PDB file of N, CA and C in Angstrom:
ATOM      1  N   MET A   1       0.262 -14.656 -11.121  1.00  0.00           N
ATOM      2  CA  MET A   1       0.836 -13.708 -10.307  1.00  0.00           C
ATOM      3  C   MET A   1      -0.190 -12.983  -9.286  1.00  0.00           C
ATOM      4  N   ILE A   2       0.243 -12.547  -8.337  1.00  0.00           N
ATOM      5  CA  ILE A   2      -0.492 -11.873  -7.197  1.00  0.00           C
ATOM      6  C   ILE A   2      -0.776 -10.302  -7.481  1.00  0.00           C
ATOM      7  N   GLN A   3      -1.993  -9.850  -7.651  1.00  0.00           N
ATOM      8  CA  GLN A   3      -2.168  -8.535  -7.780  1.00  0.00           C
ATOM      9  C   GLN A   3      -1.624  -7.816  -6.424  1.00  0.00           C
ATOM     10  N   SER A   4      -0.851  -6.633  -6.723  1.00  0.00           N
ATOM     11  CA  SER A   4      -0.260  -5.892  -5.417  1.00  0.00           C
ATOM     12  C   SER A   4      -0.318  -4.401  -5.856  1.00  0.00           C
ATOM     13  N   PRO A   5      -0.490  -3.712  -4.629  1.00  0.00           N
ATOM     14  CA  PRO A   5      -0.569  -2.183  -4.960  1.00  0.00           C
ATOM     15  C   PRO A   5       0.842  -1.685  -4.897  1.00  0.00           C
ATOM     16  N   CYS A   6       1.680  -2.408  -4.869  1.00  0.00           N
ATOM     17  CA  CYS A   6       3.231  -1.933  -4.631  1.00  0.00           C
ATOM     18  C   CYS A   6       3.666  -1.290  -6.035  1.00  0.00           C
ATOM     19  N   ILE A   7       4.193  -0.049  -5.602  1.00  0.00           N
ATOM     20  CA  ILE A   7       4.896   0.688  -6.747  1.00  0.00           C
ATOM     21  C   ILE A   7       6.421   0.710  -6.723  1.00  0.00           C
ATOM     22  N   ASN A   8       6.778  -0.110  -5.708  1.00  0.00           N
ATOM     23  CA  ASN A   8       8.358  -0.133  -5.590  1.00  0.00           C
ATOM     24  C   ASN A   8       8.865   1.104  -5.058  1.00  0.00           C
ATOM     25  N   ILE A   9       8.209   1.689  -4.124  1.00  0.00           N
ATOM     26  CA  ILE A   9       8.733   2.986  -3.234  1.00  0.00           C
ATOM     27  C   ILE A   9       8.236   2.445  -1.709  1.00  0.00           C
ATOM     28  N   CYS A  10       9.178   1.689  -1.402  1.00  0.00           N
ATOM     29  CA  CYS A  10       8.869   1.060  -0.024  1.00  0.00           C
ATOM     30  C   CYS A  10       9.560   1.896   1.178  1.00  0.00           C
ATOM     31  N   SER A  11       8.587   2.333   1.752  1.00  0.00           N
ATOM     32  CA  SER A  11       9.270   3.289   2.980  1.00  0.00           C
ATOM     33  C   SER A  11       8.227   3.463   3.928  1.00  0.00           C
ATOM     34  N   ILE A  12       8.211   3.038   4.948  1.00  0.00           N
ATOM     35  CA  ILE A  12       7.190   3.296   5.886  1.00  0.00           C
ATOM     36  C   ILE A  12       7.057   4.747   6.874  1.00  0.00           C
ATOM     37  N   ASP A  13       6.169   5.518   6.666  1.00  0.00           N
ATOM     38  CA  ASP A  13       6.243   6.637   7.196  1.00  0.00           C
ATOM     39  C   ASP A  13       6.042   6.689   8.791  1.00  0.00           C
ATOM     40  N   ALA A  14       6.680   7.128   9.679  1.00  0.00           N
ATOM     41  CA  ALA A  14       6.960   7.024  10.791  1.00  0.00           C
ATOM     42  C   ALA A  14       5.552   7.452  11.603  1.00  0.00           C
ATOM     43  N   ARG A  15       5.025   8.604  11.202  1.00  0.00           N
ATOM     44  CA  ARG A  15       3.867   9.052  11.825  1.00  0.00           C
ATOM     45  C   ARG A  15       2.606   7.987  11.737  1.00  0.00           C
ATOM     46  N   THR A  16       2.337   7.677  10.379  1.00  0.00           N
ATOM     47  CA  THR A  16       1.254   6.608  10.363  1.00  0.00           C
ATOM     48  C   THR A  16       1.345   5.239  10.363  1.00  0.00           C
ATOM     49  N   ASN A  17       2.661   4.996  10.070  1.00  0.00           N
ATOM     50  CA  ASN A  17       3.153   3.514   9.952  1.00  0.00           C
ATOM     51  C   ASN A  17       2.402   2.959   8.639  1.00  0.00           C
ATOM     52  N   LEU A  18       2.286   3.583   7.765  1.00  0.00           N
ATOM     53  CA  LEU A  18       1.977   3.508   6.347  1.00  0.00           C
ATOM     54  C   LEU A  18       2.986   3.271   5.410  1.00  0.00           C
ATOM     55  N   CYS A  19       3.142   2.333   4.430  1.00  0.00           N
ATOM     56  CA  CYS A  19       3.951   2.818   3.301  1.00  0.00           C
ATOM     57  C   CYS A  19       3.594   3.992   2.316  1.00  0.00           C
ATOM     58  N   LEU A  20       4.720   4.715   2.133  1.00  0.00           N
ATOM     59  CA  LEU A  20       4.447   5.896   1.716  1.00  0.00           C
ATOM     60  C   LEU A  20       4.104   5.629   0.130  1.00  0.00           C
ATOM     61  N   GLY A  21       4.381   4.632  -0.426  1.00  0.00           N
ATOM     62  CA  GLY A  21       4.206   4.200  -1.875  1.00  0.00           C
ATOM     63  C   GLY A  21       2.748   3.663  -1.842  1.00  0.00           C
ATOM     64  N   CYS A  22       2.389   2.576  -1.138  1.00  0.00           N
ATOM     65  CA  CYS A  22       1.149   1.999  -1.507  1.00  0.00           C
ATOM     66  C   CYS A  22       0.009   2.366  -0.227  1.00  0.00           C
ATOM     67  N   GLY A  23       0.576   2.432   0.956  1.00  0.00           N
ATOM     68  CA  GLY A  23      -0.513   2.659   1.690  1.00  0.00           C
ATOM     69  C   GLY A  23      -0.868   1.542   2.701  1.00  0.00           C
ATOM     70  N   ARG A  24      -0.093   0.331   2.541  1.00  0.00           N
ATOM     71  CA  ARG A  24      -0.363  -0.496   3.360  1.00  0.00           C
ATOM     72  C   ARG A  24       0.438  -0.657   4.662  1.00  0.00           C
ATOM     73  N   THR A  25      -0.053  -1.185   5.731  1.00  0.00           N
ATOM     74  CA  THR A  25       0.776  -1.401   6.716  1.00  0.00           C
ATOM     75  C   THR A  25       2.161  -2.477   6.651  1.00  0.00           C
ATOM     76  N   ILE A  26       2.899  -2.439   7.424  1.00  0.00           N
ATOM     77  CA  ILE A  26       4.073  -3.436   7.467  1.00  0.00           C
ATOM     78  C   ILE A  26       3.556  -4.685   7.604  1.00  0.00           C
ATOM     79  N   ASP A  27       2.627  -5.073   8.471  1.00  0.00           N
ATOM     80  CA  ASP A  27       1.939  -6.510   8.481  1.00  0.00           C
ATOM     81  C   ASP A  27       1.343  -6.734   7.238  1.00  0.00           C
ATOM     82  N   GLU A  28       0.498  -5.874   6.649  1.00  0.00           N
ATOM     83  CA  GLU A  28      -0.007  -6.129   5.324  1.00  0.00           C
ATOM     84  C   GLU A  28       0.889  -6.367   4.141  1.00  0.00           C
ATOM     85  N   VAL A  29       2.162  -5.849   4.354  1.00  0.00           N
ATOM     86  CA  VAL A  29       3.058  -5.891   3.158  1.00  0.00           C
ATOM     87  C   VAL A  29       3.730  -7.299   3.532  1.00  0.00           C
ATOM     88  N   ALA A  30       4.038  -7.661   4.688  1.00  0.00           N
ATOM     89  CA  ALA A  30       4.671  -8.917   4.995  1.00  0.00           C
ATOM     90  C   ALA A  30       3.831 -10.217   4.725  1.00  0.00           C
ATOM     91  N   GLY A  31       2.573 -10.121   4.953  1.00  0.00           N
ATOM     92  CA  GLY A  31       1.724 -11.103   4.866  1.00  0.00           C
ATOM     93  C   GLY A  31       0.744 -11.175   3.579  1.00  0.00           C
ATOM     94  N   TRP A  32       1.256 -10.113   2.494  1.00  0.00           N
ATOM     95  CA  TRP A  32       0.253 -10.151   1.305  1.00  0.00           C
ATOM     96  C   TRP A  32       0.273 -11.359   0.661  1.00  0.00           C
ATOM     97  N   SER A  33       1.376 -12.113   0.419  1.00  0.00           N
ATOM     98  CA  SER A  33       1.401 -13.278  -0.393  1.00  0.00           C
ATOM     99  C   SER A  33       0.504 -14.447   0.424  1.00  0.00           C
ATOM    100  N   THR A  34       0.232 -14.385   1.498  1.00  0.00           N
ATOM    101  CA  THR A  34      -0.328 -15.272   2.317  1.00  0.00           C
ATOM    102  C   THR A  34      -1.930 -15.160   2.383  1.00  0.00           C
ATOM    103  N   PHE A  35      -2.454 -13.637   2.253  1.00  0.00           N
ATOM    104  CA  PHE A  35      -3.770 -13.419   2.158  1.00  0.00           C
ATOM    105  C   PHE A  35      -4.602 -13.980   0.955  1.00  0.00           C
ATOM    106  N   SER A  36      -5.819 -14.128   1.268  1.00  0.00           N
ATOM    107  CA  SER A  36      -6.631 -14.612   0.349  1.00  0.00           C
ATOM    108  C   SER A  36      -6.881 -13.621  -0.711  1.00  0.00           C
ATOM    109  N   PRO A  37      -7.321 -13.956  -2.020  1.00  0.00           N
ATOM    110  CA  PRO A  37      -7.791 -12.886  -2.944  1.00  0.00           C
ATOM    111  C   PRO A  37      -8.552 -11.919  -2.486  1.00  0.00           C
ATOM    112  N   ALA A  38      -9.588 -12.499  -1.661  1.00  0.00           N
ATOM    113  CA  ALA A  38     -10.900 -11.592  -1.390  1.00  0.00           C
ATOM    114  C   ALA A  38     -10.093 -10.554  -0.230  1.00  0.00           C
ATOM    115  N   ARG A  39      -9.260 -11.037   0.631  1.00  0.00           N
ATOM    116  CA  ARG A  39      -8.743  -9.948   1.781  1.00  0.00           C
ATOM    117  C   ARG A  39      -7.851  -9.234   0.853  1.00  0.00           C
ATOM    118  N   ARG A  40      -6.955  -9.593  -0.228  1.00  0.00           N
ATOM    119  CA  ARG A  40      -6.202  -8.581  -0.868  1.00  0.00           C
ATOM    120  C   ARG A  40      -6.976  -7.603  -1.467  1.00  0.00           C
ATOM    121  N   ALA A  41      -8.022  -7.912  -2.063  1.00  0.00           N
ATOM    122  CA  ALA A  41      -8.972  -6.916  -2.800  1.00  0.00           C
ATOM    123  C   ALA A  41      -9.617  -5.970  -1.592  1.00  0.00           C
ATOM    124  N   GLU A  42      -9.819  -6.640  -0.593  1.00  0.00           N
ATOM    125  CA  GLU A  42     -10.721  -5.695   0.548  1.00  0.00           C
ATOM    126  C   GLU A  42      -9.449  -4.709   0.836  1.00  0.00           C
ATOM    127  N   ILE A  43      -8.177  -4.840   1.164  1.00  0.00           N
ATOM    128  CA  ILE A  43      -7.393  -4.123   1.558  1.00  0.00           C
ATOM    129  C   ILE A  43      -6.981  -3.074   0.342  1.00  0.00           C
ATOM    130  N   MET A  44      -6.812  -3.575  -0.805  1.00  0.00           N
ATOM    131  CA  MET A  44      -6.758  -2.519  -2.081  1.00  0.00           C
ATOM    132  C   MET A  44      -8.008  -1.458  -2.082  1.00  0.00           C
ATOM    133  N   ALA A  45      -9.047  -2.149  -1.925  1.00  0.00           N
ATOM    134  CA  ALA A  45     -10.353  -1.127  -1.925  1.00  0.00           C
ATOM    135  C   ALA A  45     -10.106   0.049  -0.896  1.00  0.00           C
ATOM    136  N   GLU A  46      -9.571  -0.184   0.177  1.00  0.00           N
ATOM    137  CA  GLU A  46      -9.274   0.712   1.402  1.00  0.00           C
ATOM    138  C   GLU A  46      -8.115   1.701   1.118  1.00  0.00           C
ATOM    139  N   LEU A  47      -7.052   1.386   0.227  1.00  0.00           N
ATOM    140  CA  LEU A  47      -6.130   2.040   0.186  1.00  0.00           C
ATOM    141  C   LEU A  47      -6.127   3.453  -0.275  1.00  0.00           C
ATOM    142  N   PRO A  48      -6.986   3.658  -1.221  1.00  0.00           N
ATOM    143  CA  PRO A  48      -6.928   5.355  -1.770  1.00  0.00           C
ATOM    144  C   PRO A  48      -7.504   6.215  -0.437  1.00  0.00           C
ATOM    145  N   ALA A  49      -8.698   5.635   0.126  1.00  0.00           N
ATOM    146  CA  ALA A  49      -9.028   6.538   1.110  1.00  0.00           C
ATOM    147  C   ALA A  49      -8.226   6.490   2.523  1.00  0.00           C
ATOM    148  N   ARG A  50      -7.327   5.533   2.705  1.00  0.00           N
ATOM    149  CA  ARG A  50      -6.415   5.509   3.656  1.00  0.00           C
ATOM    150  C   ARG A  50      -5.322   6.454   3.603  1.00  0.00           C
ATOM    151  N   MET A  51      -4.812   6.311   2.376  1.00  0.00           N
ATOM    152  CA  MET A  51      -3.617   7.347   1.972  1.00  0.00           C
ATOM    153  C   MET A  51      -4.182   8.780   2.136  1.00  0.00           C
ATOM    154  N   THR A  52      -5.593   9.225   1.653  1.00  0.00           N
ATOM    155  CA  THR A  52      -6.010  10.483   1.748  1.00  0.00           C
ATOM    156  C   THR A  52      -6.104  10.810   3.117  1.00  0.00           C
ATOM    157  N   SER A  53      -6.771   9.761   4.025  1.00  0.00           N
ATOM    158  CA  SER A  53      -7.112  10.602   5.346  1.00  0.00           C
ATOM    159  C   SER A  53      -5.915  10.587   6.182  1.00  0.00           C
ATOM    160  N   ALA A  54      -4.722   9.903   5.733  1.00  0.00           N
ATOM    161  CA  ALA A  54      -3.557  10.002   6.238  1.00  0.00           C
ATOM    162  C   ALA A  54      -2.521  11.129   5.935  1.00  0.00           C
ATOM    163  N   GLY A  55      -3.204  11.803   4.875  1.00  0.00           N
ATOM    164  CA  GLY A  55      -2.392  12.814   4.166  1.00  0.00           C
ATOM    165  C   GLY A  55      -1.279  12.595   3.558  1.00  0.00           C
ATOM    166  N   LEU A  56      -1.069  11.440   3.012  1.00  0.00           N
ATOM    167  CA  LEU A  56      -0.059  10.745   2.240  1.00  0.00           C
ATOM    168  C   LEU A  56      -0.388  10.771   0.749  1.00  0.00           C
ATOM    169  N   VAL A  57       0.536  11.269  -0.069  1.00  0.00           N
ATOM    170  CA  VAL A  57       0.522  11.068  -1.553  1.00  0.00           C
ATOM    171  C   VAL A  57       1.554  10.388  -2.092  1.00  0.00           C
ATOM    172  N   PRO A  58       1.285   9.225  -2.805  1.00  0.00           N
ATOM    173  CA  PRO A  58       2.272   8.523  -3.187  1.00  0.00           C
ATOM    174  C   PRO A  58       3.021   9.277  -4.499  1.00  0.00           C
ATOM    175  N   PRO A  59       4.464   9.125  -4.258  1.00  0.00           N
ATOM    176  CA  PRO A  59       5.184   9.904  -5.345  1.00  0.00           C
ATOM    177  C   PRO A  59       4.984   9.311  -6.770  1.00  0.00           C
ATOM    178  N   VAL A  60       5.094  10.261  -7.532  1.00  0.00           N
ATOM    179  CA  VAL A  60       4.763  10.052  -9.290  1.00  0.00           C
ATOM    180  C   VAL A  60       6.127   9.333  -9.643  1.00  0.00           C
ATOM    181  N   LYS A  61       5.971   8.139 -10.335  1.00  0.00           N
ATOM    182  CA  LYS A  61       7.038   7.484 -11.001  1.00  0.00           C
ATOM    183  C   LYS A  61       7.436   8.309 -12.247  1.00  0.00           C
ATOM    184  N   ALA A  62       8.613   8.536 -12.672  1.00  0.00           N
ATOM    185  CA  ALA A  62       8.826   9.290 -13.810  1.00  0.00           C
ATOM    186  C   ALA A  62       8.680   8.345 -15.044  1.00  0.00           C
ATOM    187  N   ALA A  63       8.123   8.969 -16.125  1.00  0.00           N
ATOM    188  CA  ALA A  63       8.009   8.404 -17.371  1.00  0.00           C
ATOM    189  C   ALA A  63       9.250   7.751 -18.011  1.00  0.00           C
ATOM    190  N   GLY A  64       9.187   6.646 -18.554  1.00  0.00           N
ATOM    191  CA  GLY A  64      10.356   6.153 -19.500  1.00  0.00           C
ATOM    192  C   GLY A  64      11.185   5.216 -18.689  1.00  0.00           C
TER     193      GLY A  64
END
């Protein structure tokens, strides 16, 4: 199974063009399965800072 930052909240923010759930661009989401493990790891390492600098906070999933 390919590791993914997806939290099943897939909506692209019109201001930043980033997914509100994970912080990836639409091109990154679309190409995720074709990226090398190293490229996916590189993107995943960037996501927290990317979300913070864009002022985006992923929604919290309800427990249960």
